[in-house]
Amino acid sequence: MVAQRVEGTGSAGEHFHPPALHSHDHYHVSHHHGGVLTEWSHRTYWHTHEHNHNALQHSHDYSAEDEERDHAKEAHIHDHAAPADSPA
């Protein structure tokens, strides 16, 4: 486990989330190039399966209630071969 710290504190203050294993829709975002003269665009996809979150110590400028409510709306990174045991 890597030691975590917060450099500066947001309005929600520094806090800790223990490791968690749960299921909900989660999103992935990819960058899609439209061609030689076009810009990049975002493509979003989602699916549901059990996955883990490692312990997290952090701070942010939105409320703890918003963090909890919006968790399932965030993009997640994990090992899809073993999402419940991912190191991400």
Foldseek 3Di string as FASTA:
>chain_A
DDDDDEDDAAPQGKDKDAKDKDKDKAKDWDWDDPDDPDDIDIDMDIDIDIAMDHMDIYHDHDHPVCCVVCVRVYHDDADPVCRHPGPD
